[in-house]
C-alpha cells in the first residue's frame, strides 16, 4: 500500500503560532502605515521607521498608541 510521507489532515496551528502570526501582521501593518502616511518633513518618518524596524513589536505598539493618533489628528490620515 502506498503511504504519504506526511499526514493528510494537518493539525491546526497552536496558540503560540497564531499569536506570532498576529504580531507579525500587526508589525507589518504599522511599518507600512508609517512608511506611507507619516509626513516626510523633518526626520519623523525615518525615526519611526527605524524604531519599528529595530524594536519590532514594542516599537509598533508605541507607534500605534502614541504617534499614530497624533498624526491622524494633525494630518487627517
N, C-alpha and C. Protein backbone atom coordinates (compact mmCIF):
# COMPACT_ATOMS: atom_id res chain seq x y z
N UNK A 1 0.84 -1.17 0.00
CA UNK A 1 0.00 0.00 0.00
C UNK A 1 0.89 1.24 0.00
N UNK A 2 0.49 2.23 -0.79
CA UNK A 2 1.24 3.48 -0.89
C UNK A 2 0.94 4.35 0.33
N UNK A 3 1.98 4.90 0.94
CA UNK A 3 1.82 5.74 2.13
C UNK A 3 2.49 7.09 1.91
N UNK A 4 1.77 8.16 2.23
CA UNK A 4 2.32 9.51 2.10
C UNK A 4 3.33 9.78 3.21
N UNK A 5 4.36 10.57 2.93
CA UNK A 5 5.36 10.86 3.97
C UNK A 5 4.89 11.88 5.00
N UNK A 6 3.68 12.39 4.86
CA UNK A 6 3.15 13.34 5.82
C UNK A 6 1.67 13.03 6.04
N UNK A 7 1.15 13.41 7.19
CA UNK A 7 -0.27 13.13 7.43
C UNK A 7 -1.16 13.98 6.51
N UNK A 8 -2.25 13.39 6.09
CA UNK A 8 -3.16 14.09 5.19
C UNK A 8 -3.88 15.22 5.92
N UNK A 9 -4.36 14.96 7.10
CA UNK A 9 -5.03 16.01 7.86
C UNK A 9 -4.01 16.66 8.79
N UNK A 10 -3.63 17.88 8.44
CA UNK A 10 -2.66 18.59 9.25
C UNK A 10 -3.33 19.16 10.49
N UNK A 11 -2.68 19.12 11.62
CA UNK A 11 -3.29 19.69 12.83
C UNK A 11 -3.35 21.21 12.74
N UNK A 12 -4.28 21.78 13.45
CA UNK A 12 -4.39 23.24 13.49
C UNK A 12 -3.18 23.81 14.21
N UNK A 13 -2.74 25.00 13.80
CA UNK A 13 -1.58 25.60 14.47
C UNK A 13 -1.90 25.92 15.92
N UNK A 14 -0.90 25.83 16.75
CA UNK A 14 -1.08 26.08 18.17
C UNK A 14 -1.26 27.56 18.46
N UNK A 15 -1.64 27.87 19.69
CA UNK A 15 -1.86 29.26 20.07
C UNK A 15 -0.62 30.14 19.90
N UNK A 16 0.55 29.60 20.18
CA UNK A 16 1.77 30.39 20.04
C UNK A 16 2.01 30.79 18.59
N UNK A 17 1.71 29.88 17.67
CA UNK A 17 1.89 30.19 16.27
C UNK A 17 0.88 31.25 15.80
N UNK A 18 -0.34 31.17 16.28
CA UNK A 18 -1.35 32.17 15.92
C UNK A 18 -1.01 33.54 16.48
N UNK A 19 -0.52 33.59 17.72
CA UNK A 19 -0.12 34.86 18.32
C UNK A 19 1.07 35.45 17.55
N UNK A 20 2.02 34.61 17.18
CA UNK A 20 3.18 35.08 16.40
C UNK A 20 2.75 35.61 15.05
N UNK A 21 1.82 34.95 14.41
CA UNK A 21 1.32 35.41 13.11
C UNK A 21 0.60 36.75 13.26
N UNK A 22 -0.23 36.89 14.28
CA UNK A 22 -0.94 38.15 14.52
C UNK A 22 0.04 39.28 14.82
N UNK A 23 1.08 39.00 15.60
CA UNK A 23 2.08 40.02 15.92
C UNK A 23 2.85 40.45 14.67
N UNK A 24 3.17 39.50 13.81
CA UNK A 24 3.88 39.82 12.57
C UNK A 24 3.02 40.66 11.65
N UNK A 25 1.75 40.31 11.53
CA UNK A 25 0.83 41.08 10.69
C UNK A 25 0.69 42.50 11.24
N UNK A 26 0.55 42.64 12.57
CA UNK A 26 0.45 43.96 13.20
C UNK A 26 1.71 44.76 12.95
N UNK A 27 2.88 44.14 13.08
CA UNK A 27 4.16 44.82 12.85
C UNK A 27 4.26 45.32 11.41
N UNK A 28 3.89 44.46 10.44
CA UNK A 28 3.93 44.87 9.04
C UNK A 28 2.94 45.99 8.75
N UNK A 29 1.77 45.94 9.38
CA UNK A 29 0.76 46.98 9.20
C UNK A 29 1.29 48.32 9.70
N UNK A 30 1.91 48.34 10.89
CA UNK A 30 2.43 49.59 11.43
C UNK A 30 3.62 50.10 10.60
N UNK A 31 4.44 49.20 10.11
CA UNK A 31 5.58 49.60 9.29
C UNK A 31 5.11 50.23 7.99
N UNK A 32 4.15 49.63 7.31
CA UNK A 32 3.64 50.20 6.06
C UNK A 32 2.85 51.48 6.33
N UNK A 33 2.12 51.54 7.44
CA UNK A 33 1.39 52.75 7.79
C UNK A 33 2.36 53.91 8.02
N UNK A 34 3.42 53.65 8.72
CA UNK A 34 4.42 54.69 8.98
C UNK A 34 5.10 55.11 7.69
N UNK A 35 5.49 54.16 6.87
CA UNK A 35 6.22 54.47 5.64
C UNK A 35 5.35 55.20 4.61
N UNK A 36 4.06 54.93 4.60
CA UNK A 36 3.22 55.53 3.57
C UNK A 36 2.47 56.78 4.04
N UNK A 37 2.17 56.92 5.32
CA UNK A 37 1.33 58.01 5.78
C UNK A 37 2.04 59.07 6.64
N UNK A 38 3.19 58.74 7.16
CA UNK A 38 3.92 59.70 8.00
C UNK A 38 4.45 60.83 7.14
N UNK A 39 4.26 62.10 7.55
CA UNK A 39 4.79 63.21 6.75
C UNK A 39 6.32 63.14 6.63
N UNK A 40 6.83 63.57 5.50
CA UNK A 40 8.27 63.49 5.24
C UNK A 40 9.03 64.70 5.77
N UNK A 41 8.37 65.59 6.45
CA UNK A 41 9.04 66.77 6.99
C UNK A 41 9.89 66.37 8.19
N UNK A 42 11.10 66.88 8.22
CA UNK A 42 12.00 66.54 9.33
C UNK A 42 12.43 65.09 9.26
N UNK A 43 12.75 64.55 10.42
CA UNK A 43 13.22 63.16 10.48
C UNK A 43 12.19 62.22 11.12
N UNK A 44 10.95 62.66 11.27
CA UNK A 44 9.96 61.83 11.95
C UNK A 44 9.74 60.50 11.25
N UNK A 45 9.60 60.52 9.94
CA UNK A 45 9.34 59.28 9.19
C UNK A 45 10.50 58.29 9.36
N UNK A 46 11.71 58.79 9.19
CA UNK A 46 12.90 57.94 9.31
C UNK A 46 13.04 57.42 10.74
N UNK A 47 12.84 58.28 11.71
CA UNK A 47 12.97 57.88 13.12
C UNK A 47 11.98 56.80 13.48
N UNK A 48 10.70 57.00 13.14
CA UNK A 48 9.69 56.00 13.48
C UNK A 48 9.89 54.70 12.70
N UNK A 49 10.32 54.80 11.45
CA UNK A 49 10.58 53.58 10.68
C UNK A 49 11.71 52.78 11.33
N UNK A 50 12.77 53.45 11.75
CA UNK A 50 13.87 52.75 12.41
C UNK A 50 13.46 52.16 13.76
N UNK A 51 12.63 52.89 14.51
CA UNK A 51 12.15 52.36 15.79
C UNK A 51 11.33 51.09 15.56
N UNK A 52 10.43 51.13 14.58
CA UNK A 52 9.59 49.96 14.29
C UNK A 52 10.44 48.80 13.77
N UNK A 53 11.46 49.10 12.97
CA UNK A 53 12.32 48.03 12.43
C UNK A 53 13.21 47.38 13.48
N UNK A 54 13.82 48.19 14.34
CA UNK A 54 14.82 47.65 15.26
C UNK A 54 14.26 47.21 16.61
N UNK A 55 13.05 47.65 16.96
CA UNK A 55 12.38 47.18 18.17
C UNK A 55 11.01 46.68 17.72
N UNK A 56 10.96 45.54 17.04
CA UNK A 56 9.79 45.16 16.25
C UNK A 56 8.42 45.31 16.92
N UNK A 57 8.05 44.48 17.83
CA UNK A 57 6.69 44.53 18.35
C UNK A 57 6.49 45.70 19.29
N UNK A 58 7.45 45.95 20.16
CA UNK A 58 7.33 47.06 21.11
C UNK A 58 7.29 48.40 20.38
N UNK A 59 8.13 48.57 19.36
CA UNK A 59 8.13 49.80 18.58
C UNK A 59 6.82 50.00 17.83
N UNK A 60 6.25 48.92 17.31
CA UNK A 60 4.97 49.02 16.61
C UNK A 60 3.84 49.41 17.56
N UNK A 61 3.87 48.86 18.77
CA UNK A 61 2.84 49.19 19.77
C UNK A 61 2.98 50.66 20.20
N UNK A 62 4.20 51.12 20.41
CA UNK A 62 4.42 52.52 20.77
C UNK A 62 3.92 53.43 19.65
N UNK A 63 4.24 53.09 18.41
CA UNK A 63 3.78 53.90 17.28
C UNK A 63 2.26 53.92 17.21
N UNK A 64 1.63 52.77 17.39
CA UNK A 64 0.17 52.67 17.28
C UNK A 64 -0.54 53.51 18.35
N UNK A 65 -0.07 53.47 19.58
CA UNK A 65 -0.78 54.15 20.66
C UNK A 65 -0.36 55.61 20.87
N UNK A 66 0.85 55.99 20.47
CA UNK A 66 1.31 57.34 20.75
C UNK A 66 1.43 58.22 19.51
N UNK A 67 2.09 57.77 18.49
CA UNK A 67 2.33 58.62 17.33
C UNK A 67 1.17 58.62 16.35
N UNK A 68 0.59 57.47 16.08
CA UNK A 68 -0.47 57.39 15.07
C UNK A 68 -1.66 58.28 15.38
N UNK A 69 -2.19 58.29 16.61
CA UNK A 69 -3.31 59.20 16.89
C UNK A 69 -2.95 60.68 16.70
N UNK A 70 -1.71 61.06 17.06
CA UNK A 70 -1.27 62.44 16.85
C UNK A 70 -1.23 62.78 15.36
N UNK A 71 -0.71 61.86 14.56
CA UNK A 71 -0.62 62.09 13.12
C UNK A 71 -2.01 62.17 12.50
N UNK A 72 -2.91 61.30 12.92
CA UNK A 72 -4.27 61.31 12.38
C UNK A 72 -4.96 62.63 12.73
N UNK A 73 -4.75 63.10 13.94
CA UNK A 73 -5.35 64.36 14.38
C UNK A 73 -4.76 65.54 13.60
N UNK A 74 -3.44 65.53 13.36
CA UNK A 74 -2.78 66.65 12.71
C UNK A 74 -2.96 66.64 11.18
N UNK A 75 -2.78 65.48 10.58
CA UNK A 75 -2.79 65.40 9.11
C UNK A 75 -4.15 64.96 8.58
N UNK A 76 -4.81 64.09 9.29
CA UNK A 76 -6.12 63.63 8.86
C UNK A 76 -6.15 62.22 8.31
N UNK A 77 -5.00 61.57 8.18
CA UNK A 77 -4.99 60.15 7.73
C UNK A 77 -3.85 59.41 8.35
